[in-house]
């Protein structure tokens, strides 16, 4: 069975050293395709772990009620 070669478009961009790279197509090998395709499952697993640890962020949060000041500043009328 022949190996499938996929390509992706790379946009033109500037490198950190200031040189410009023209837009081109890049080949993606089989290991990169598998890694890119499997990243969705990894994201789901991470979200499930965060939810189990209480970091889901979807629940309601309780805000404490404001309390009265402990004392009045000196020199102000009471």
N, C-alpha and C. Protein backbone atom coordinates (compact mmCIF):
# COMPACT_ATOMS: atom_id res chain seq x y z
N UNK A 1 0.85 -1.17 0.00
CA UNK A 1 0.00 0.00 0.00
C UNK A 1 0.90 1.24 0.00
N UNK A 2 0.73 2.17 -0.95
CA UNK A 2 1.58 3.36 -1.00
C UNK A 2 1.24 4.32 0.14
N UNK A 3 2.28 5.01 0.60
CA UNK A 3 2.10 5.98 1.69
C UNK A 3 1.44 7.24 1.13
N UNK A 4 0.43 7.74 1.83
CA UNK A 4 -0.26 8.94 1.40
C UNK A 4 0.55 10.17 1.80
N UNK A 5 0.77 11.05 0.83
CA UNK A 5 1.51 12.29 1.11
C UNK A 5 0.51 13.43 1.06
N UNK A 6 0.38 14.13 2.16
CA UNK A 6 -0.51 15.28 2.21
C UNK A 6 0.32 16.55 2.18
N UNK A 7 -0.29 17.62 1.71
CA UNK A 7 0.39 18.91 1.70
C UNK A 7 -0.45 19.93 2.43
N UNK A 8 0.20 20.95 2.90
CA UNK A 8 -0.49 22.06 3.55
C UNK A 8 0.12 23.35 3.03
N UNK A 9 -0.66 24.41 3.00
CA UNK A 9 -0.18 25.70 2.52
C UNK A 9 0.45 26.46 3.68
N UNK A 10 1.61 27.01 3.44
CA UNK A 10 2.29 27.84 4.43
C UNK A 10 2.20 29.28 3.93
N UNK A 11 1.66 30.16 4.74
CA UNK A 11 1.55 31.56 4.35
C UNK A 11 2.91 32.24 4.41
N UNK A 12 3.05 33.29 3.63
CA UNK A 12 4.27 34.08 3.69
C UNK A 12 4.39 34.73 5.05
N UNK A 13 5.61 34.78 5.57
CA UNK A 13 5.82 35.33 6.91
C UNK A 13 7.24 35.82 7.06
N UNK A 14 7.47 36.63 8.10
CA UNK A 14 8.80 37.11 8.43
C UNK A 14 9.40 36.25 9.51
N UNK A 15 10.66 35.90 9.36
CA UNK A 15 11.37 35.16 10.39
C UNK A 15 11.83 36.12 11.49
N UNK A 16 12.30 35.57 12.59
CA UNK A 16 12.77 36.39 13.71
C UNK A 16 13.96 37.26 13.30
N UNK A 17 14.74 36.80 12.32
CA UNK A 17 15.91 37.58 11.89
C UNK A 17 15.55 38.64 10.86
N UNK A 18 14.26 38.78 10.52
CA UNK A 18 13.81 39.83 9.61
C UNK A 18 13.68 39.41 8.16
N UNK A 19 14.13 38.22 7.80
CA UNK A 19 14.02 37.78 6.40
C UNK A 19 12.59 37.31 6.13
N UNK A 20 12.15 37.48 4.87
CA UNK A 20 10.79 37.11 4.48
C UNK A 20 10.79 35.74 3.82
N UNK A 21 9.84 34.90 4.19
CA UNK A 21 9.66 33.58 3.58
C UNK A 21 8.41 33.64 2.73
N UNK A 22 8.55 33.34 1.42
CA UNK A 22 7.40 33.38 0.52
C UNK A 22 6.42 32.26 0.83
N UNK A 23 5.18 32.45 0.46
CA UNK A 23 4.16 31.41 0.63
C UNK A 23 4.53 30.20 -0.20
N UNK A 24 4.28 29.01 0.34
CA UNK A 24 4.61 27.77 -0.36
C UNK A 24 3.78 26.63 0.20
N UNK A 25 3.89 25.46 -0.41
CA UNK A 25 3.22 24.25 0.07
C UNK A 25 4.27 23.35 0.70
N UNK A 26 3.90 22.72 1.79
CA UNK A 26 4.82 21.85 2.52
C UNK A 26 4.20 20.47 2.62
N UNK A 27 5.01 19.43 2.46
CA UNK A 27 4.51 18.06 2.59
C UNK A 27 4.45 17.68 4.06
N UNK A 28 3.40 16.93 4.41
CA UNK A 28 3.24 16.43 5.77
C UNK A 28 3.42 14.93 5.70
N UNK A 29 4.38 14.40 6.47
CA UNK A 29 4.60 12.97 6.51
C UNK A 29 3.54 12.27 7.34
N UNK A 30 3.50 10.95 7.28
CA UNK A 30 2.50 10.16 8.00
C UNK A 30 2.52 10.40 9.51
N UNK A 31 3.69 10.46 10.20
CA UNK A 31 3.66 10.71 11.65
C UNK A 31 3.05 12.06 12.01
N UNK A 32 3.31 13.09 11.20
CA UNK A 32 2.75 14.41 11.48
C UNK A 32 1.24 14.41 11.28
N UNK A 33 0.75 13.68 10.29
CA UNK A 33 -0.69 13.61 10.04
C UNK A 33 -1.38 12.93 11.21
N UNK A 34 -0.79 11.86 11.72
CA UNK A 34 -1.38 11.16 12.86
C UNK A 34 -1.38 12.05 14.08
N UNK A 35 -0.28 12.77 14.31
CA UNK A 35 -0.19 13.66 15.48
C UNK A 35 -1.21 14.78 15.38
N UNK A 36 -1.37 15.36 14.20
CA UNK A 36 -2.32 16.45 14.03
C UNK A 36 -3.76 15.96 14.17
N UNK A 37 -4.03 14.77 13.68
CA UNK A 37 -5.38 14.23 13.76
C UNK A 37 -5.74 13.80 15.17
N UNK A 38 -4.76 13.40 15.97
CA UNK A 38 -5.03 12.93 17.32
C UNK A 38 -5.06 14.01 18.36
N UNK A 39 -4.79 15.25 18.00
CA UNK A 39 -4.74 16.33 18.98
C UNK A 39 -6.12 16.65 19.55
N UNK A 40 -7.19 16.36 18.81
CA UNK A 40 -8.53 16.61 19.32
C UNK A 40 -8.85 15.73 20.51
N UNK A 41 -8.44 14.48 20.46
CA UNK A 41 -8.65 13.57 21.57
C UNK A 41 -7.86 14.02 22.79
N UNK A 42 -6.65 14.49 22.58
CA UNK A 42 -5.83 14.99 23.69
C UNK A 42 -6.51 16.17 24.36
N UNK A 43 -7.09 17.07 23.58
CA UNK A 43 -7.78 18.23 24.14
C UNK A 43 -8.97 17.80 24.99
N UNK A 44 -9.70 16.81 24.55
CA UNK A 44 -10.85 16.31 25.31
C UNK A 44 -10.39 15.71 26.63
N UNK A 45 -9.30 14.95 26.60
CA UNK A 45 -8.79 14.33 27.82
C UNK A 45 -8.34 15.41 28.80
N UNK A 46 -7.65 16.43 28.33
CA UNK A 46 -7.20 17.52 29.20
C UNK A 46 -8.40 18.24 29.82
N UNK A 47 -9.42 18.51 29.02
CA UNK A 47 -10.62 19.18 29.56
C UNK A 47 -11.32 18.32 30.60
N UNK A 48 -11.38 17.02 30.39
CA UNK A 48 -12.00 16.13 31.38
C UNK A 48 -11.21 16.13 32.69
N UNK A 49 -9.90 16.12 32.59
CA UNK A 49 -9.07 16.14 33.81
C UNK A 49 -9.26 17.46 34.55
N UNK A 50 -9.29 18.58 33.83
CA UNK A 50 -9.51 19.87 34.47
C UNK A 50 -10.88 19.94 35.14
N UNK A 51 -11.89 19.39 34.49
CA UNK A 51 -13.23 19.40 35.07
C UNK A 51 -13.27 18.54 36.34
N UNK A 52 -12.55 17.42 36.33
CA UNK A 52 -12.53 16.55 37.50
C UNK A 52 -11.80 17.21 38.67
N UNK A 53 -10.83 18.07 38.36
CA UNK A 53 -10.08 18.75 39.42
C UNK A 53 -10.78 20.03 39.88
N UNK A 54 -11.89 20.37 39.28
CA UNK A 54 -12.62 21.57 39.69
C UNK A 54 -12.24 22.80 38.91
N UNK A 55 -11.47 22.66 37.87
CA UNK A 55 -11.05 23.81 37.08
C UNK A 55 -11.86 23.96 35.81
N UNK A 56 -13.03 23.37 35.76
CA UNK A 56 -13.85 23.41 34.55
C UNK A 56 -14.29 24.81 34.18
N UNK A 57 -14.55 25.66 35.16
CA UNK A 57 -14.91 27.04 34.89
C UNK A 57 -16.33 27.24 34.43
N UNK A 58 -17.11 26.19 34.27
CA UNK A 58 -18.46 26.35 33.77
C UNK A 58 -19.49 26.57 34.85
N UNK A 59 -19.13 26.33 36.10
CA UNK A 59 -20.08 26.45 37.19
C UNK A 59 -20.22 27.87 37.70
N UNK A 60 -21.27 28.09 38.51
CA UNK A 60 -21.48 29.41 39.10
C UNK A 60 -20.48 29.63 40.23
N UNK A 61 -20.03 30.87 40.35
CA UNK A 61 -19.11 31.20 41.43
C UNK A 61 -19.84 32.02 42.46
N UNK A 62 -19.47 31.86 43.71
CA UNK A 62 -20.08 32.61 44.79
C UNK A 62 -19.18 33.79 45.14
N UNK A 63 -19.79 34.97 45.17
CA UNK A 63 -19.06 36.18 45.54
C UNK A 63 -19.46 36.54 46.96
N UNK A 64 -18.50 36.73 47.87
CA UNK A 64 -18.86 37.08 49.23
C UNK A 64 -19.54 38.45 49.29
N UNK A 65 -20.50 38.57 50.23
CA UNK A 65 -21.21 39.82 50.40
C UNK A 65 -20.27 40.86 51.00
N UNK A 66 -20.43 42.13 50.62
CA UNK A 66 -19.57 43.17 51.19
C UNK A 66 -19.84 43.32 52.68
N UNK A 67 -18.80 43.57 53.45
CA UNK A 67 -18.95 43.73 54.89
C UNK A 67 -18.79 45.19 55.27
N UNK A 68 -19.27 45.53 56.46
CA UNK A 68 -19.16 46.90 56.95
C UNK A 68 -17.70 47.20 57.30
N UNK A 69 -17.27 48.46 57.20
CA UNK A 69 -15.89 48.79 57.55
C UNK A 69 -15.63 48.51 59.02
N UNK A 70 -14.42 48.09 59.33
CA UNK A 70 -14.07 47.73 60.70
C UNK A 70 -13.99 48.96 61.59
N UNK A 71 -13.51 50.09 61.06
CA UNK A 71 -13.42 51.30 61.87
C UNK A 71 -13.56 52.52 60.96
N UNK A 72 -13.82 53.65 61.57
CA UNK A 72 -13.94 54.90 60.82
C UNK A 72 -12.60 55.61 60.91
N UNK A 73 -12.19 56.20 59.83
CA UNK A 73 -10.90 56.90 59.81
C UNK A 73 -10.91 58.05 60.82
N UNK A 74 -9.80 58.30 61.53
CA UNK A 74 -9.76 59.38 62.51
C UNK A 74 -9.96 60.76 61.86
N UNK A 75 -10.64 61.62 62.56
CA UNK A 75 -10.87 62.98 62.09
C UNK A 75 -12.12 63.13 61.25
N UNK A 76 -12.84 62.03 60.94
CA UNK A 76 -14.07 62.14 60.18
C UNK A 76 -15.25 62.04 61.12
N UNK A 77 -16.34 62.77 60.82
CA UNK A 77 -17.52 62.69 61.68
C UNK A 77 -18.14 61.30 61.63
N UNK A 78 -18.67 60.89 62.76
CA UNK A 78 -19.27 59.56 62.84
C UNK A 78 -20.77 59.61 62.70
